[in-house]
Amino acid sequence: MSNHTRTNTTRADGHCCEEYAAMAVSRRGLLGGAAALAGATTMVGGAVVTASPARAVSASSVLVVLSLRGAADGLSLVVPYGDPVYEAARPRTKIPAGALLATDGFFGLHPAMADLLPKWQEGKVAAVHATGLPVANRSHFAAMEEMEDADPGSRERVGWLNRLVSGTPGSSPLQGFSAGTSTIPTSLVGPAPTMSAGRVDDVELPGSDDDGRRQKSLRIMWGREKTTLGRGMRSTFEAISAFGPAQAAADNRSAYPGSGVGQALATAAQIIRGDVGVEVITVDQGDWDMHTDMGGPDGGWMHDNARDLAQAIAAFLGDLGTQESKVTLVTLSEFGRRVVENDSGGTDHGYGNVMFVAGAGVRGGYHGRWPGLVNSYDADLTVTTDYRQVLADIVSRRFNASVAKVFPGLKWQSTGVML
């Protein structure tokens, strides 16, 4: 059960004692994955495939959802230097206005995000500030689960990305893919088949031989099996076959940061360039729970994470080749941080945050309704834009999907972030 008033303490290393904060999946994702493994899910080397007999059609649009796990500080990533409270509230961790990038008189990007600046100047990157859940939730696990379900009050175990792919043509597990992990996140859990793998090379039949006799024998063995496992095996064979073009695509991971998010986005780009029918891909970047020692504009924890994020996204956007016009990327984080820094040179769990949207169909620049900051110990950045409104703009404009189906109960009002 979600606990909206949970108190979170901090370990000596600055991370929450809520140990699952650093995990790349939510509790529901883990339970959903376990239930699927008992039913219609098949392990394929280092990959997981949920069962479906059909293949995907070539995707006209692709959405990459990059989750910043641990609650990123949006006030450091996109600094509201024009708000007079900002500098007063953060005497040690503030980013001086003169160090910021892409300033517009009020907002500016963290200086460590320089690698993203060319794409920003091309109008291919946007930031929507003061976004978040409809109601504040400071528990990492509960907030992740709520955000990835995107269906407040519902008891159904279906993520919003699963609802999205279930409404598009085709029913292949390749349509919904989690890259960089073998665990399917909550957002992809549901009746529509999905898939996950750490790397493209993980999608293989263990023990395969060069002449294909082993796979041929297994196909004969499972070809007429009517059980759930039989259906799962046939789905696995089809997924492996359909995934071939992605494995044949160039592996450009050397052009990315060697971090988890860099390598996961390299995998995502390789899959997209393979044009295997993928429509949504999830990727994670962790270690954003900075209760202590965030650092400043020239170095430290926040600087390093922001640089890694910007370098990875920039490399990804430059690695899409002929598929570039199809691909949109959006970042999410379960909640933001408090306005006022704490006594340990960090920030505690807050509410409002920033979302980045990049790539195809994006109206670049700064977006959102700024609520103003308050300089008090327990002050949050108020949420003025439900995060689902940003996602609804993307799924409507890029996929022509039903907002009512993907985000039940949402009264959609466009944020203007998409063309």
Protein backbone atom coordinates (compact mmCIF):
# COMPACT_ATOMS: atom_id res chain seq x y z
CA MET A 1 0.00 0.00 0.00
CA SER A 2 1.35 3.43 -0.87
CA ASN A 3 2.40 5.50 2.13
CA HIS A 4 2.21 9.17 1.24
CA THR A 5 3.57 10.32 4.60
CA ARG A 6 6.53 7.99 4.85
CA THR A 7 9.58 9.45 6.58
CA ASN A 8 12.86 8.81 4.77
CA THR A 9 16.16 8.85 6.64
CA THR A 10 19.58 9.11 5.05
CA ARG A 11 22.57 6.77 5.15
CA ALA A 12 26.13 7.96 5.65
CA ASP A 13 26.72 7.87 1.89
CA GLY A 14 23.90 10.33 1.26
CA HIS A 15 21.37 7.82 -0.09
CA CYS A 16 17.94 7.13 1.33
CA CYS A 17 17.47 4.29 3.79
CA GLU A 18 14.54 3.45 1.55
CA GLU A 19 16.91 0.95 -0.10
CA TYR A 20 14.79 0.45 -3.19
CA ALA A 21 15.30 4.08 -4.23
CA ALA A 22 18.27 3.10 -6.36
CA MET A 23 16.46 0.24 -8.05
CA ALA A 24 15.58 0.56 -11.70
CA VAL A 25 12.10 -0.91 -11.25
CA SER A 26 9.20 -0.46 -8.89
CA ARG A 27 7.63 -3.02 -6.58
CA ARG A 28 4.79 -3.58 -9.01
CA GLY A 29 7.23 -4.11 -11.85
CA LEU A 30 8.98 -6.80 -9.84
CA LEU A 31 5.72 -8.49 -8.92
CA GLY A 32 4.42 -8.20 -12.47
CA GLY A 33 7.63 -9.70 -13.80
CA ALA A 34 7.42 -12.59 -11.35
CA ALA A 35 3.81 -13.25 -12.27
CA ALA A 36 4.67 -13.16 -15.95
CA LEU A 37 7.54 -15.59 -15.51
CA ALA A 38 5.10 -18.00 -13.91
CA GLY A 39 2.81 -17.55 -16.91
CA ALA A 40 3.74 -16.46 -20.41
CA THR A 41 7.26 -15.07 -20.12
CA THR A 42 10.37 -16.71 -21.52
CA MET A 43 14.01 -16.06 -20.67
CA VAL A 44 16.21 -15.69 -23.77
CA GLY A 45 19.83 -15.52 -22.73
CA GLY A 46 19.93 -12.20 -20.84
CA ALA A 47 16.55 -11.08 -22.20
CA VAL A 48 12.93 -11.49 -21.15
CA VAL A 49 10.13 -11.98 -23.70
CA THR A 50 6.41 -12.03 -22.92
CA ALA A 51 4.37 -14.31 -25.14
CA SER A 52 2.65 -13.30 -28.35
CA PRO A 53 2.37 -15.13 -31.67
CA ALA A 54 2.33 -12.03 -33.88
CA ARG A 55 5.01 -9.68 -35.16
CA ALA A 56 5.13 -5.90 -35.11
CA VAL A 57 4.79 -3.68 -38.12
CA SER A 58 7.40 -1.02 -38.83
CA ALA A 59 6.87 1.81 -36.36
CA SER A 60 6.04 5.29 -37.62
CA SER A 61 6.99 6.82 -34.26
CA VAL A 62 9.24 5.76 -31.40
CA LEU A 63 9.13 7.06 -27.83
CA VAL A 64 12.10 6.64 -25.48
CA VAL A 65 11.27 7.16 -21.80
CA LEU A 66 14.34 7.93 -19.70
CA SER A 67 13.67 7.62 -15.95
CA LEU A 68 15.92 9.57 -13.59
CA ARG A 69 15.65 7.21 -10.61
CA GLY A 70 16.08 8.62 -7.13
CA ALA A 71 14.33 11.96 -7.63
CA ALA A 72 16.48 14.38 -9.61
CA ASP A 73 16.77 18.00 -8.51
CA GLY A 74 15.06 19.86 -11.32
CA LEU A 75 16.01 23.18 -9.73
CA SER A 76 19.66 22.36 -10.49
CA LEU A 77 19.15 20.88 -13.94
CA VAL A 78 17.07 23.85 -15.13
CA VAL A 79 17.86 26.70 -12.79
CA PRO A 80 15.24 29.45 -12.19
CA TYR A 81 17.90 32.10 -11.66
CA GLY A 82 15.33 34.82 -12.31
CA ASP A 83 13.45 33.86 -9.14
CA PRO A 84 15.05 35.84 -6.26
CA VAL A 85 14.39 33.05 -3.78
CA TYR A 86 16.64 30.58 -5.59
CA GLU A 87 20.03 32.02 -4.56
CA ALA A 88 18.85 32.80 -1.03
CA ALA A 89 17.60 29.25 -0.53
CA ARG A 90 20.80 27.62 -1.77
CA PRO A 91 23.85 29.53 -0.58
CA ARG A 92 26.24 26.54 -1.04
CA THR A 93 24.68 24.56 -3.89
CA LYS A 94 23.39 27.33 -6.16
CA ILE A 95 24.56 27.59 -9.76
CA PRO A 96 25.51 31.23 -10.48
CA ALA A 97 23.63 32.85 -13.33
CA GLY A 98 26.87 33.59 -15.16
CA ALA A 99 27.70 29.88 -15.36
CA LEU A 100 24.37 28.77 -16.82
CA LEU A 101 23.74 27.73 -20.41
CA ALA A 102 20.90 28.71 -22.75
CA THR A 103 19.65 31.47 -20.48
CA ASP A 104 16.47 33.32 -21.38
CA GLY A 105 16.28 35.91 -18.61
CA PHE A 106 14.75 33.51 -16.10
CA PHE A 107 15.85 29.89 -16.73
CA GLY A 108 19.20 28.37 -17.61
CA LEU A 109 20.69 24.89 -17.99
CA HIS A 110 23.26 23.47 -15.60
CA PRO A 111 26.74 24.16 -17.01
CA ALA A 112 27.57 20.44 -17.04
CA MET A 113 24.96 19.95 -19.76
CA ALA A 114 27.10 21.61 -22.43
CA ASP A 115 26.99 18.55 -24.71
CA LEU A 116 23.24 19.06 -25.11
CA LEU A 117 23.54 22.73 -26.02
CA PRO A 118 23.86 22.25 -29.83
CA LYS A 119 20.59 20.28 -29.94
CA TRP A 120 18.97 22.89 -27.69
CA GLN A 121 20.05 25.65 -30.06
CA GLU A 122 18.63 23.66 -32.99
CA GLY A 123 15.27 23.71 -31.22
CA LYS A 124 15.26 19.94 -30.67
CA VAL A 125 15.25 20.00 -26.84
CA ALA A 126 12.63 21.43 -24.49
CA ALA A 127 12.24 21.66 -20.72
CA VAL A 128 8.86 21.73 -18.97
CA HIS A 129 9.22 22.99 -15.41
CA ALA A 130 7.03 22.59 -12.32
CA THR A 131 5.74 19.18 -13.44
CA GLY A 132 4.87 16.18 -11.29
CA LEU A 133 2.25 13.89 -9.80
CA PRO A 134 -1.23 15.28 -9.09
CA VAL A 135 -0.62 14.85 -5.33
CA ALA A 136 2.75 14.95 -3.57
CA ASN A 137 4.26 11.56 -2.75
CA ARG A 138 7.73 11.45 -1.20
CA SER A 139 8.21 7.66 -1.17
CA HIS A 140 10.49 6.58 -4.03
CA PHE A 141 8.81 3.23 -4.55
CA ALA A 142 5.22 4.46 -4.25
CA ALA A 143 5.86 7.52 -6.42
CA MET A 144 7.58 5.45 -9.14
CA GLU A 145 4.69 3.01 -9.15
CA GLU A 146 2.09 5.77 -9.30
CA MET A 147 3.93 7.61 -12.07
CA GLU A 148 4.40 4.51 -14.21
CA ASP A 149 0.82 3.35 -13.77
CA ALA A 150 -0.43 6.86 -14.61
CA ASP A 151 -3.94 5.81 -13.60
CA PRO A 152 -4.65 7.28 -10.14
CA GLY A 153 -7.03 5.22 -8.02
CA SER A 154 -7.03 2.20 -10.32
CA ARG A 155 -6.37 -1.33 -9.05
CA GLU A 156 -5.41 -2.61 -12.50
CA ARG A 157 -1.83 -3.76 -12.89
CA VAL A 158 -1.21 -2.04 -16.23
CA GLY A 159 1.44 0.57 -17.01
CA TRP A 160 0.80 3.53 -19.29
CA LEU A 161 3.27 2.38 -21.94
CA ASN A 162 1.61 -1.01 -22.05
CA ARG A 163 -1.71 0.74 -22.65
CA LEU A 164 -0.07 2.78 -25.41
CA VAL A 165 1.36 -0.18 -27.36
CA SER A 166 -1.83 -2.19 -26.90
CA GLY A 167 -3.62 0.44 -28.99
CA THR A 168 -1.18 0.43 -31.91
CA PRO A 169 -1.06 -2.05 -34.84
CA GLY A 170 0.72 -5.36 -34.21
CA SER A 171 1.16 -7.44 -31.08
CA SER A 172 4.86 -8.28 -30.94
CA PRO A 173 6.91 -8.09 -27.74
CA LEU A 174 9.37 -5.96 -29.71
CA GLN A 175 6.91 -3.05 -29.69
CA GLY A 176 7.61 -2.34 -26.02
CA PHE A 177 11.26 -2.79 -25.01
CA SER A 178 13.22 -2.09 -21.82
CA ALA A 179 16.90 -1.49 -22.65
CA GLY A 180 19.81 -1.87 -20.26
CA THR A 181 18.05 -4.31 -17.93
CA SER A 182 16.42 -7.73 -18.02
CA THR A 183 13.58 -6.56 -15.78
CA ILE A 184 10.42 -5.05 -17.25
CA PRO A 185 9.45 -1.80 -15.47
CA THR A 186 5.97 -1.00 -14.20
CA SER A 187 5.26 1.27 -17.16
CA LEU A 188 5.48 -1.73 -19.54
CA VAL A 189 3.64 -4.26 -17.34
CA GLY A 190 0.25 -5.38 -18.64
CA PRO A 191 -1.53 -7.58 -21.17
CA ALA A 192 0.33 -6.34 -24.25
CA PRO A 193 3.53 -8.37 -24.82
CA THR A 194 6.82 -6.60 -24.11
CA MET A 195 10.51 -7.43 -23.96
CA SER A 196 13.67 -6.45 -22.08
CA ALA A 197 17.41 -6.97 -22.52
CA GLY A 198 20.61 -5.44 -21.24
CA ARG A 199 22.22 -5.38 -24.68
CA VAL A 200 21.28 -6.30 -28.23
CA ASP A 201 23.55 -9.36 -28.08
CA ASP A 202 21.59 -10.71 -25.10
CA VAL A 203 18.70 -11.56 -27.41
CA GLU A 204 19.75 -15.04 -28.42
CA LEU A 205 18.84 -18.64 -27.83
CA PRO A 206 21.29 -20.03 -25.23
CA GLY A 207 23.53 -22.66 -26.74
CA SER A 208 22.66 -21.77 -30.33
CA ASP A 209 24.84 -23.40 -32.98
CA ASP A 210 26.07 -21.78 -36.17
CA ASP A 211 24.13 -24.04 -38.53
CA GLY A 212 20.80 -23.50 -36.74
CA ARG A 213 20.11 -27.17 -36.02
CA ARG A 214 19.52 -26.59 -32.31
CA GLN A 215 16.92 -23.89 -32.94
CA LYS A 216 15.27 -26.03 -35.63
CA SER A 217 15.01 -28.92 -33.19
CA LEU A 218 13.51 -26.70 -30.50
CA ARG A 219 10.99 -25.29 -32.96
CA ILE A 220 9.88 -28.82 -33.82
CA MET A 221 9.72 -29.74 -30.13
CA TRP A 222 7.57 -26.76 -29.13
CA GLY A 223 5.75 -26.14 -32.41
CA ARG A 224 2.52 -27.89 -31.43
CA GLU A 225 2.71 -27.54 -27.66
CA LYS A 226 -0.54 -25.90 -26.51
CA THR A 227 0.56 -24.96 -23.00
CA THR A 228 1.49 -21.48 -21.83
CA LEU A 229 5.15 -22.45 -21.98
CA GLY A 230 4.72 -23.62 -25.56
CA ARG A 231 3.22 -20.30 -26.55
CA GLY A 232 6.06 -18.54 -24.77
CA MET A 233 8.68 -20.56 -26.62
CA ARG A 234 7.11 -19.89 -30.01
CA SER A 235 6.99 -16.18 -29.15
CA THR A 236 10.66 -16.37 -28.21
CA PHE A 237 11.64 -17.91 -31.55
CA GLU A 238 9.70 -15.25 -33.45
CA ALA A 239 11.18 -12.44 -31.36
CA ILE A 240 14.71 -13.69 -32.00
CA SER A 241 14.07 -13.90 -35.73
CA ALA A 242 12.43 -10.49 -35.90
CA PHE A 243 15.24 -8.95 -33.84
CA GLY A 244 17.90 -9.88 -36.39
CA PRO A 245 18.09 -6.47 -38.13
CA ALA A 246 18.80 -4.80 -34.78
CA GLN A 247 21.69 -7.18 -34.17
CA ALA A 248 22.99 -6.46 -37.66
CA ALA A 249 22.88 -2.68 -37.11
CA ALA A 250 26.14 -0.96 -36.20
CA ASP A 251 27.03 -0.98 -32.51
CA ASN A 252 28.14 2.59 -31.80
CA ARG A 253 28.39 2.35 -28.02
CA SER A 254 31.99 3.57 -28.06
CA ALA A 255 30.61 7.02 -28.93
CA TYR A 256 28.57 7.09 -25.71
CA PRO A 257 29.54 7.53 -22.06
CA GLY A 258 30.53 4.24 -20.47
CA SER A 259 27.88 4.70 -17.77
CA GLY A 260 24.72 2.67 -17.44
CA VAL A 261 22.53 5.31 -19.09
CA GLY A 262 25.05 5.85 -21.89
CA GLN A 263 25.26 2.18 -22.75
CA ALA A 264 21.49 1.66 -22.42
CA LEU A 265 20.82 4.53 -24.84
CA ALA A 266 23.40 3.05 -27.21
CA THR A 267 21.40 -0.18 -27.12
CA ALA A 268 18.18 1.76 -27.71
CA ALA A 269 19.64 3.55 -30.75
CA GLN A 270 20.90 0.28 -32.23
CA ILE A 271 17.45 -1.29 -31.86
CA ILE A 272 15.78 1.76 -33.41
CA ARG A 273 18.16 1.81 -36.37
CA GLY A 274 17.38 -1.87 -36.89
CA ASP A 275 13.75 -0.84 -37.52
CA VAL A 276 12.34 -4.01 -35.95
CA GLY A 277 8.98 -2.47 -35.06
CA VAL A 278 9.91 -1.05 -31.67
CA GLU A 279 7.55 1.75 -30.56
CA VAL A 280 8.51 2.45 -26.96
CA ILE A 281 11.81 1.91 -25.15
CA THR A 282 12.49 2.49 -21.48
CA VAL A 283 15.93 3.43 -20.14
CA ASP A 284 17.09 4.31 -16.61
CA GLN A 285 19.66 6.57 -15.02
CA GLY A 286 20.02 6.13 -11.26
CA ASP A 287 21.82 7.80 -8.35
CA TRP A 288 19.84 11.05 -8.20
CA ASP A 289 18.95 10.88 -4.48
CA MET A 290 21.37 13.61 -3.37
CA HIS A 291 20.68 14.25 0.32
CA THR A 292 24.33 15.22 0.89
CA ASP A 293 27.23 16.84 -0.93
CA MET A 294 25.56 17.77 -4.22
CA GLY A 295 28.49 19.95 -5.15
CA GLY A 296 28.53 23.12 -7.18
CA PRO A 297 28.81 24.35 -10.77
CA ASP A 298 32.35 23.08 -11.30
CA GLY A 299 32.15 19.56 -9.92
CA GLY A 300 30.53 17.12 -7.56
CA TRP A 301 27.68 14.64 -7.58
CA MET A 302 25.09 16.78 -9.36
CA HIS A 303 27.62 18.03 -11.90
CA ASP A 304 28.69 14.48 -12.77
CA ASN A 305 25.15 13.14 -13.13
CA ALA A 306 24.04 16.13 -15.21
CA ARG A 307 27.06 15.76 -17.49
CA ASP A 308 26.44 12.03 -17.91
CA LEU A 309 22.78 12.68 -18.73
CA ALA A 310 23.55 15.38 -21.30
CA GLN A 311 26.35 13.43 -22.97
CA ALA A 312 24.20 10.30 -23.23
CA ILE A 313 21.18 12.11 -24.69
CA ALA A 314 23.35 14.07 -27.15
CA ALA A 315 25.07 10.88 -28.33
CA PHE A 316 21.71 9.16 -28.70
CA LEU A 317 20.15 11.96 -30.75
CA GLY A 318 23.18 11.95 -33.02
CA ASP A 319 23.11 8.17 -33.50
CA LEU A 320 19.63 7.63 -34.94
CA GLY A 321 20.53 7.88 -38.61
CA THR A 322 17.57 7.60 -40.98
CA GLN A 323 15.24 6.93 -38.03
CA GLU A 324 15.79 10.36 -36.46
CA SER A 325 12.48 11.79 -37.67
CA LYS A 326 10.61 9.05 -35.80
CA VAL A 327 12.13 9.35 -32.35
CA THR A 328 11.10 11.44 -29.34
CA LEU A 329 12.73 11.16 -25.91
CA VAL A 330 11.22 12.26 -22.59
CA THR A 331 12.68 12.24 -19.08
CA LEU A 332 10.76 11.47 -15.90
CA SER A 333 11.72 11.46 -12.23
CA GLU A 334 9.43 10.30 -9.43
CA PHE A 335 9.50 13.65 -7.61
CA GLY A 336 11.71 16.69 -7.19
CA ARG A 337 13.64 18.16 -4.26
CA ARG A 338 12.96 20.79 -1.62
CA VAL A 339 13.65 24.41 -2.47
CA VAL A 340 16.02 25.00 0.46
CA GLU A 341 19.27 23.05 0.68
CA ASN A 342 19.82 21.05 3.87
CA ASP A 343 22.67 21.27 6.37
CA SER A 344 24.56 18.48 4.60
CA GLY A 345 24.93 20.33 1.32
CA GLY A 346 22.16 18.38 -0.36
CA THR A 347 18.41 18.55 -0.84
CA ASP A 348 15.61 16.45 0.61
CA HIS A 349 12.54 14.91 -0.99
CA GLY A 350 10.27 17.48 -2.57
CA TYR A 351 7.50 17.70 -5.13
CA GLY A 352 7.70 19.59 -8.44
CA ASN A 353 10.37 18.83 -11.02
CA VAL A 354 11.45 19.39 -14.62
CA MET A 355 10.88 17.14 -17.64
CA PHE A 356 13.07 17.21 -20.75
CA VAL A 357 11.57 16.40 -24.16
CA ALA A 358 13.91 15.96 -27.12
CA GLY A 359 13.92 14.86 -30.74
CA ALA A 360 11.14 14.60 -33.30
CA GLY A 361 8.12 16.87 -33.05
CA VAL A 362 9.45 18.92 -30.15
CA ARG A 363 8.93 22.67 -29.78
CA GLY A 364 12.25 23.61 -28.19
CA GLY A 365 12.86 25.96 -25.30
CA TYR A 366 11.41 26.46 -21.83
CA HIS A 367 7.78 25.62 -21.09
CA GLY A 368 5.47 25.45 -18.10
CA ARG A 369 3.78 27.83 -15.65
CA TRP A 370 6.20 29.02 -12.98
CA PRO A 371 4.61 29.12 -9.49
CA GLY A 372 7.37 31.04 -7.70
CA LEU A 373 9.63 29.73 -4.95
CA VAL A 374 9.22 30.08 -1.18
CA ASN A 375 12.24 30.33 1.11
CA SER A 376 11.25 28.10 4.01
CA TYR A 377 12.70 24.81 5.21
CA ASP A 378 9.80 22.61 4.10
CA ALA A 379 8.91 24.50 0.91
CA ASP A 380 8.42 22.58 -2.32
CA LEU A 381 8.36 23.60 -5.93
CA THR A 382 4.62 23.54 -6.55
CA VAL A 383 3.39 21.41 -9.44
CA THR A 384 1.50 23.49 -11.98
CA THR A 385 1.52 20.88 -14.78
CA ASP A 386 0.49 17.27 -14.23
CA TYR A 387 3.29 15.20 -15.78
CA ARG A 388 0.66 13.23 -17.71
CA GLN A 389 -0.23 16.37 -19.67
CA VAL A 390 3.27 16.38 -21.18
CA LEU A 391 3.09 12.66 -21.95
CA ALA A 392 -0.40 13.08 -23.40
CA ASP A 393 0.91 15.71 -25.81
CA ILE A 394 3.54 13.23 -27.00
CA VAL A 395 1.28 10.19 -27.42
CA SER A 396 -1.40 12.25 -29.14
CA ARG A 397 0.88 14.14 -31.54
CA ARG A 398 3.36 11.36 -32.28
CA PHE A 399 1.18 8.24 -32.11
CA ASN A 400 -2.28 9.63 -32.73
CA ALA A 401 -3.23 7.59 -29.66
CA SER A 402 -6.31 7.99 -27.50
CA VAL A 403 -5.33 10.09 -24.49
CA ALA A 404 -8.39 8.78 -22.64
CA LYS A 405 -7.18 5.20 -23.06
CA VAL A 406 -3.54 5.78 -22.19
CA PHE A 407 -4.28 8.17 -19.30
CA PRO A 408 -7.73 7.31 -17.92
CA GLY A 409 -9.51 10.19 -16.24
CA LEU A 410 -7.07 12.86 -17.40
CA LYS A 411 -8.56 16.13 -18.63
CA TRP A 412 -5.99 16.81 -21.27
CA GLN A 413 -4.79 20.38 -21.78
CA SER A 414 -1.91 20.78 -24.18
CA THR A 415 1.32 22.13 -22.75
CA GLY A 416 2.52 23.37 -26.13
CA VAL A 417 5.74 21.35 -25.93
CA MET A 418 4.96 19.40 -29.12
CA LEU A 419 4.53 20.84 -32.62
